[in-house]
Amino acid sequence: MIEADGIALLRGSWNLESSASDGTSVTMKGQSIEVARKQQDGSWRFVIDHPFGAM
């Protein structure tokens, strides 16, 4: 995470494993980018959530 002046840039890796309706295995992987803004109460709110942003 990189933070400056109440804005944070985050990167993450994710992995999804599931089964299709016919029983075959489905796997997806990716790297995401998110941007968050710090709120007045100190919490963070995502303003951009891009699940395929770092590809």
PDB file of N, CA and C in Angstrom:
ATOM      1  N   MET A   1       0.839  -1.169   0.000  1.00  0.00           N
ATOM      2  CA  MET A   1       0.000   0.000   0.000  1.00  0.00           C
ATOM      3  C   MET A   1       0.886   1.235   0.000  1.00  0.00           C
ATOM      4  N   ILE A   2       0.485   2.199  -0.797  1.00  0.00           N
ATOM      5  CA  ILE A   2       1.138   3.507  -0.821  1.00  0.00           C
ATOM      6  C   ILE A   2       0.078   4.524  -0.424  1.00  0.00           C
ATOM      7  N   GLU A   3       0.409   5.389   0.532  1.00  0.00           N
ATOM      8  CA  GLU A   3      -0.557   6.379   0.999  1.00  0.00           C
ATOM      9  C   GLU A   3       0.057   7.768   0.988  1.00  0.00           C
ATOM     10  N   ALA A   4      -0.735   8.747   0.560  1.00  0.00           N
ATOM     11  CA  ALA A   4      -0.315  10.147   0.607  1.00  0.00           C
ATOM     12  C   ALA A   4      -1.560  11.025   0.661  1.00  0.00           C
ATOM     13  N   ASP A   5      -1.579  11.942   1.599  1.00  0.00           N
ATOM     14  CA  ASP A   5      -2.647  12.944   1.695  1.00  0.00           C
ATOM     15  C   ASP A   5      -4.049  12.341   1.691  1.00  0.00           C
ATOM     16  N   GLY A   6      -4.237  11.260   2.411  1.00  0.00           N
ATOM     17  CA  GLY A   6      -5.562  10.669   2.543  1.00  0.00           C
ATOM     18  C   GLY A   6      -6.025   9.832   1.367  1.00  0.00           C
ATOM     19  N   ILE A   7      -5.128   9.540   0.427  1.00  0.00           N
ATOM     20  CA  ILE A   7      -5.431   8.655  -0.703  1.00  0.00           C
ATOM     21  C   ILE A   7      -4.474   7.467  -0.625  1.00  0.00           C
ATOM     22  N   ALA A   8      -5.000   6.267  -0.811  1.00  0.00           N
ATOM     23  CA  ALA A   8      -4.166   5.064  -0.744  1.00  0.00           C
ATOM     24  C   ALA A   8      -4.307   4.260  -2.033  1.00  0.00           C
ATOM     25  N   LEU A   9      -3.188   3.739  -2.513  1.00  0.00           N
ATOM     26  CA  LEU A   9      -3.149   2.857  -3.672  1.00  0.00           C
ATOM     27  C   LEU A   9      -2.774   1.469  -3.172  1.00  0.00           C
ATOM     28  N   LEU A  10      -3.598   0.486  -3.491  1.00  0.00           N
ATOM     29  CA  LEU A  10      -3.378  -0.878  -3.022  1.00  0.00           C
ATOM     30  C   LEU A  10      -3.292  -1.826  -4.209  1.00  0.00           C
ATOM     31  N   ARG A  11      -2.480  -2.875  -4.060  1.00  0.00           N
ATOM     32  CA  ARG A  11      -2.391  -3.950  -5.053  1.00  0.00           C
ATOM     33  C   ARG A  11      -2.610  -5.261  -4.333  1.00  0.00           C
ATOM     34  N   GLY A  12      -3.251  -6.183  -5.006  1.00  0.00           N
ATOM     35  CA  GLY A  12      -3.483  -7.479  -4.392  1.00  0.00           C
ATOM     36  C   GLY A  12      -3.541  -8.576  -5.432  1.00  0.00           C
ATOM     37  N   SER A  13      -3.317  -9.788  -4.980  1.00  0.00           N
ATOM     38  CA  SER A  13      -3.468 -10.973  -5.822  1.00  0.00           C
ATOM     39  C   SER A  13      -4.701 -11.725  -5.354  1.00  0.00           C
ATOM     40  N   TRP A  14      -5.436 -12.312  -6.305  1.00  0.00           N
ATOM     41  CA  TRP A  14      -6.612 -13.075  -5.935  1.00  0.00           C
ATOM     42  C   TRP A  14      -6.678 -14.354  -6.756  1.00  0.00           C
ATOM     43  N   ASN A  15      -7.397 -15.334  -6.210  1.00  0.00           N
ATOM     44  CA  ASN A  15      -7.542 -16.641  -6.835  1.00  0.00           C
ATOM     45  C   ASN A  15      -8.965 -17.127  -6.583  1.00  0.00           C
ATOM     46  N   LEU A  16      -9.669 -17.524  -7.629  1.00  0.00           N
ATOM     47  CA  LEU A  16     -11.037 -18.029  -7.524  1.00  0.00           C
ATOM     48  C   LEU A  16     -11.070 -19.441  -8.080  1.00  0.00           C
ATOM     49  N   GLU A  17     -11.541 -20.379  -7.275  1.00  0.00           N
ATOM     50  CA  GLU A  17     -11.701 -21.759  -7.722  1.00  0.00           C
ATOM     51  C   GLU A  17     -13.144 -22.162  -7.484  1.00  0.00           C
ATOM     52  N   SER A  18     -13.783 -22.703  -8.526  1.00  0.00           N
ATOM     53  CA  SER A  18     -15.190 -23.078  -8.436  1.00  0.00           C
ATOM     54  C   SER A  18     -15.462 -24.224  -9.402  1.00  0.00           C
ATOM     55  N   SER A  19     -16.727 -24.617  -9.484  1.00  0.00           N
ATOM     56  CA  SER A  19     -17.160 -25.651 -10.426  1.00  0.00           C
ATOM     57  C   SER A  19     -18.266 -25.083 -11.294  1.00  0.00           C
ATOM     58  N   ALA A  20     -18.202 -25.378 -12.582  1.00  0.00           N
ATOM     59  CA  ALA A  20     -19.257 -24.985 -13.513  1.00  0.00           C
ATOM     60  C   ALA A  20     -20.468 -25.896 -13.309  1.00  0.00           C
ATOM     61  N   SER A  21     -21.583 -25.545 -13.918  1.00  0.00           N
ATOM     62  CA  SER A  21     -22.812 -26.337 -13.755  1.00  0.00           C
ATOM     63  C   SER A  21     -22.658 -27.770 -14.266  1.00  0.00           C
ATOM     64  N   ASP A  22     -21.718 -27.990 -15.193  1.00  0.00           N
ATOM     65  CA  ASP A  22     -21.483 -29.352 -15.693  1.00  0.00           C
ATOM     66  C   ASP A  22     -20.453 -30.113 -14.866  1.00  0.00           C
ATOM     67  N   GLY A  23     -19.958 -29.489 -13.787  1.00  0.00           N
ATOM     68  CA  GLY A  23     -19.018 -30.151 -12.891  1.00  0.00           C
ATOM     69  C   GLY A  23     -17.556 -29.909 -13.195  1.00  0.00           C
ATOM     70  N   THR A  24     -17.252 -29.272 -14.318  1.00  0.00           N
ATOM     71  CA  THR A  24     -15.851 -28.999 -14.636  1.00  0.00           C
ATOM     72  C   THR A  24     -15.298 -27.917 -13.716  1.00  0.00           C
ATOM     73  N   SER A  25     -14.023 -28.004 -13.476  1.00  0.00           N
ATOM     74  CA  SER A  25     -13.344 -27.055 -12.598  1.00  0.00           C
ATOM     75  C   SER A  25     -13.105 -25.728 -13.314  1.00  0.00           C
ATOM     76  N   VAL A  26     -13.322 -24.645 -12.601  1.00  0.00           N
ATOM     77  CA  VAL A  26     -13.092 -23.305 -13.135  1.00  0.00           C
ATOM     78  C   VAL A  26     -12.122 -22.592 -12.203  1.00  0.00           C
ATOM     79  N   THR A  27     -11.037 -22.062 -12.766  1.00  0.00           N
ATOM     80  CA  THR A  27     -10.050 -21.331 -11.977  1.00  0.00           C
ATOM     81  C   THR A  27      -9.766 -19.997 -12.646  1.00  0.00           C
ATOM     82  N   MET A  28      -9.774 -18.950 -11.853  1.00  0.00           N
ATOM     83  CA  MET A  28      -9.402 -17.614 -12.329  1.00  0.00           C
ATOM     84  C   MET A  28      -8.397 -17.038 -11.347  1.00  0.00           C
ATOM     85  N   LYS A  29      -7.417 -16.317 -11.866  1.00  0.00           N
ATOM     86  CA  LYS A  29      -6.419 -15.651 -11.038  1.00  0.00           C
ATOM     87  C   LYS A  29      -6.206 -14.256 -11.582  1.00  0.00           C
ATOM     88  N   GLY A  30      -5.798 -13.359 -10.724  1.00  0.00           N
ATOM     89  CA  GLY A  30      -5.525 -12.014 -11.194  1.00  0.00           C
ATOM     90  C   GLY A  30      -4.832 -11.175 -10.148  1.00  0.00           C
ATOM     91  N   GLN A  31      -4.510  -9.972 -10.559  1.00  0.00           N
ATOM     92  CA  GLN A  31      -3.935  -8.985  -9.656  1.00  0.00           C
ATOM     93  C   GLN A  31      -4.788  -7.735  -9.762  1.00  0.00           C
ATOM     94  N   SER A  32      -5.146  -7.195  -8.616  1.00  0.00           N
ATOM     95  CA  SER A  32      -6.066  -6.068  -8.586  1.00  0.00           C
ATOM     96  C   SER A  32      -5.366  -4.787  -8.144  1.00  0.00           C
ATOM     97  N   ILE A  33      -6.028  -3.688  -8.455  1.00  0.00           N
ATOM     98  CA  ILE A  33      -5.607  -2.369  -7.976  1.00  0.00           C
ATOM     99  C   ILE A  33      -6.837  -1.699  -7.383  1.00  0.00           C
ATOM    100  N   GLU A  34      -6.676  -1.102  -6.216  1.00  0.00           N
ATOM    101  CA  GLU A  34      -7.740  -0.342  -5.587  1.00  0.00           C
ATOM    102  C   GLU A  34      -7.203   1.017  -5.161  1.00  0.00           C
ATOM    103  N   VAL A  35      -8.087   1.994  -5.179  1.00  0.00           N
ATOM    104  CA  VAL A  35      -7.775   3.324  -4.661  1.00  0.00           C
ATOM    105  C   VAL A  35      -8.795   3.607  -3.569  1.00  0.00           C
ATOM    106  N   ALA A  36      -8.321   4.044  -2.411  1.00  0.00           N
ATOM    107  CA  ALA A  36      -9.206   4.355  -1.288  1.00  0.00           C
ATOM    108  C   ALA A  36      -8.946   5.781  -0.805  1.00  0.00           C
ATOM    109  N   ARG A  37      -9.996   6.380  -0.252  1.00  0.00           N
ATOM    110  CA  ARG A  37      -9.895   7.739   0.294  1.00  0.00           C
ATOM    111  C   ARG A  37     -10.237   7.685   1.783  1.00  0.00           C
ATOM    112  N   LYS A  38      -9.413   8.336   2.592  1.00  0.00           N
ATOM    113  CA  LYS A  38      -9.653   8.377   4.031  1.00  0.00           C
ATOM    114  C   LYS A  38     -10.808   9.325   4.330  1.00  0.00           C
ATOM    115  N   GLN A  39     -11.750   8.846   5.144  1.00  0.00           N
ATOM    116  CA  GLN A  39     -12.930   9.622   5.511  1.00  0.00           C
ATOM    117  C   GLN A  39     -12.654  10.452   6.765  1.00  0.00           C
ATOM    118  N   GLN A  40     -13.519  11.393   7.051  1.00  0.00           N
ATOM    119  CA  GLN A  40     -13.338  12.269   8.213  1.00  0.00           C
ATOM    120  C   GLN A  40     -13.316  11.495   9.522  1.00  0.00           C
ATOM    121  N   ASP A  41     -14.024  10.359   9.590  1.00  0.00           N
ATOM    122  CA  ASP A  41     -14.057   9.566  10.825  1.00  0.00           C
ATOM    123  C   ASP A  41     -12.866   8.613  10.946  1.00  0.00           C
ATOM    124  N   GLY A  42     -11.926   8.657   9.987  1.00  0.00           N
ATOM    125  CA  GLY A  42     -10.737   7.816  10.027  1.00  0.00           C
ATOM    126  C   GLY A  42     -10.868   6.506   9.269  1.00  0.00           C
ATOM    127  N   SER A  43     -12.062   6.168   8.826  1.00  0.00           N
ATOM    128  CA  SER A  43     -12.251   4.949   8.035  1.00  0.00           C
ATOM    129  C   SER A  43     -11.820   5.208   6.591  1.00  0.00           C
ATOM    130  N   TRP A  44     -11.727   4.123   5.831  1.00  0.00           N
ATOM    131  CA  TRP A  44     -11.329   4.224   4.427  1.00  0.00           C
ATOM    132  C   TRP A  44     -12.485   3.783   3.548  1.00  0.00           C
ATOM    133  N   ARG A  45     -12.672   4.448   2.414  1.00  0.00           N
ATOM    134  CA  ARG A  45     -13.716   4.088   1.459  1.00  0.00           C
ATOM    135  C   ARG A  45     -13.069   3.894   0.091  1.00  0.00           C
ATOM    136  N   PHE A  46     -13.376   2.748  -0.528  1.00  0.00           N
ATOM    137  CA  PHE A  46     -12.856   2.501  -1.870  1.00  0.00           C
ATOM    138  C   PHE A  46     -13.532   3.435  -2.864  1.00  0.00           C
ATOM    139  N   VAL A  47     -12.724   4.065  -3.713  1.00  0.00           N
ATOM    140  CA  VAL A  47     -13.268   4.900  -4.782  1.00  0.00           C
ATOM    141  C   VAL A  47     -13.040   4.248  -6.147  1.00  0.00           C
ATOM    142  N   ILE A  48     -12.058   3.349  -6.231  1.00  0.00           N
ATOM    143  CA  ILE A  48     -11.823   2.540  -7.432  1.00  0.00           C
ATOM    144  C   ILE A  48     -11.470   1.132  -6.965  1.00  0.00           C
ATOM    145  N   ASP A  49     -12.133   0.141  -7.544  1.00  0.00           N
ATOM    146  CA  ASP A  49     -11.850  -1.265  -7.251  1.00  0.00           C
ATOM    147  C   ASP A  49     -11.796  -1.988  -8.594  1.00  0.00           C
ATOM    148  N   HIS A  50     -10.582  -2.219  -9.088  1.00  0.00           N
ATOM    149  CA  HIS A  50     -10.398  -2.808 -10.417  1.00  0.00           C
ATOM    150  C   HIS A  50      -9.775  -4.196 -10.260  1.00  0.00           C
ATOM    151  N   PRO A  51     -10.578  -5.278 -10.374  1.00  0.00           N
ATOM    152  CA  PRO A  51     -10.063  -6.614 -10.114  1.00  0.00           C
ATOM    153  C   PRO A  51      -9.030  -7.106 -11.121  1.00  0.00           C
ATOM    154  N   PHE A  52      -8.957  -6.497 -12.303  1.00  0.00           N
ATOM    155  CA  PHE A  52      -7.973  -6.901 -13.308  1.00  0.00           C
ATOM    156  C   PHE A  52      -7.012  -5.754 -13.615  1.00  0.00           C
ATOM    157  N   GLY A  53      -6.875  -4.820 -12.702  1.00  0.00           N
ATOM    158  CA  GLY A  53      -6.138  -3.591 -12.955  1.00  0.00           C
ATOM    159  C   GLY A  53      -4.638  -3.730 -13.091  1.00  0.00           C
ATOM    160  N   ALA A  54      -4.045  -4.760 -12.540  1.00  0.00           N
ATOM    161  CA  ALA A  54      -2.584  -4.861 -12.533  1.00  0.00           C
ATOM    162  C   ALA A  54      -2.065  -5.859 -13.553  1.00  0.00           C
ATOM    163  N   MET A  55      -2.893  -6.259 -14.476  1.00  0.00           N
ATOM    164  CA  MET A  55      -2.462  -7.265 -15.447  1.00  0.00           C
ATOM    165  C   MET A  55      -1.702  -6.638 -16.578  1.00  0.00           C
TER     166      MET A  55
END
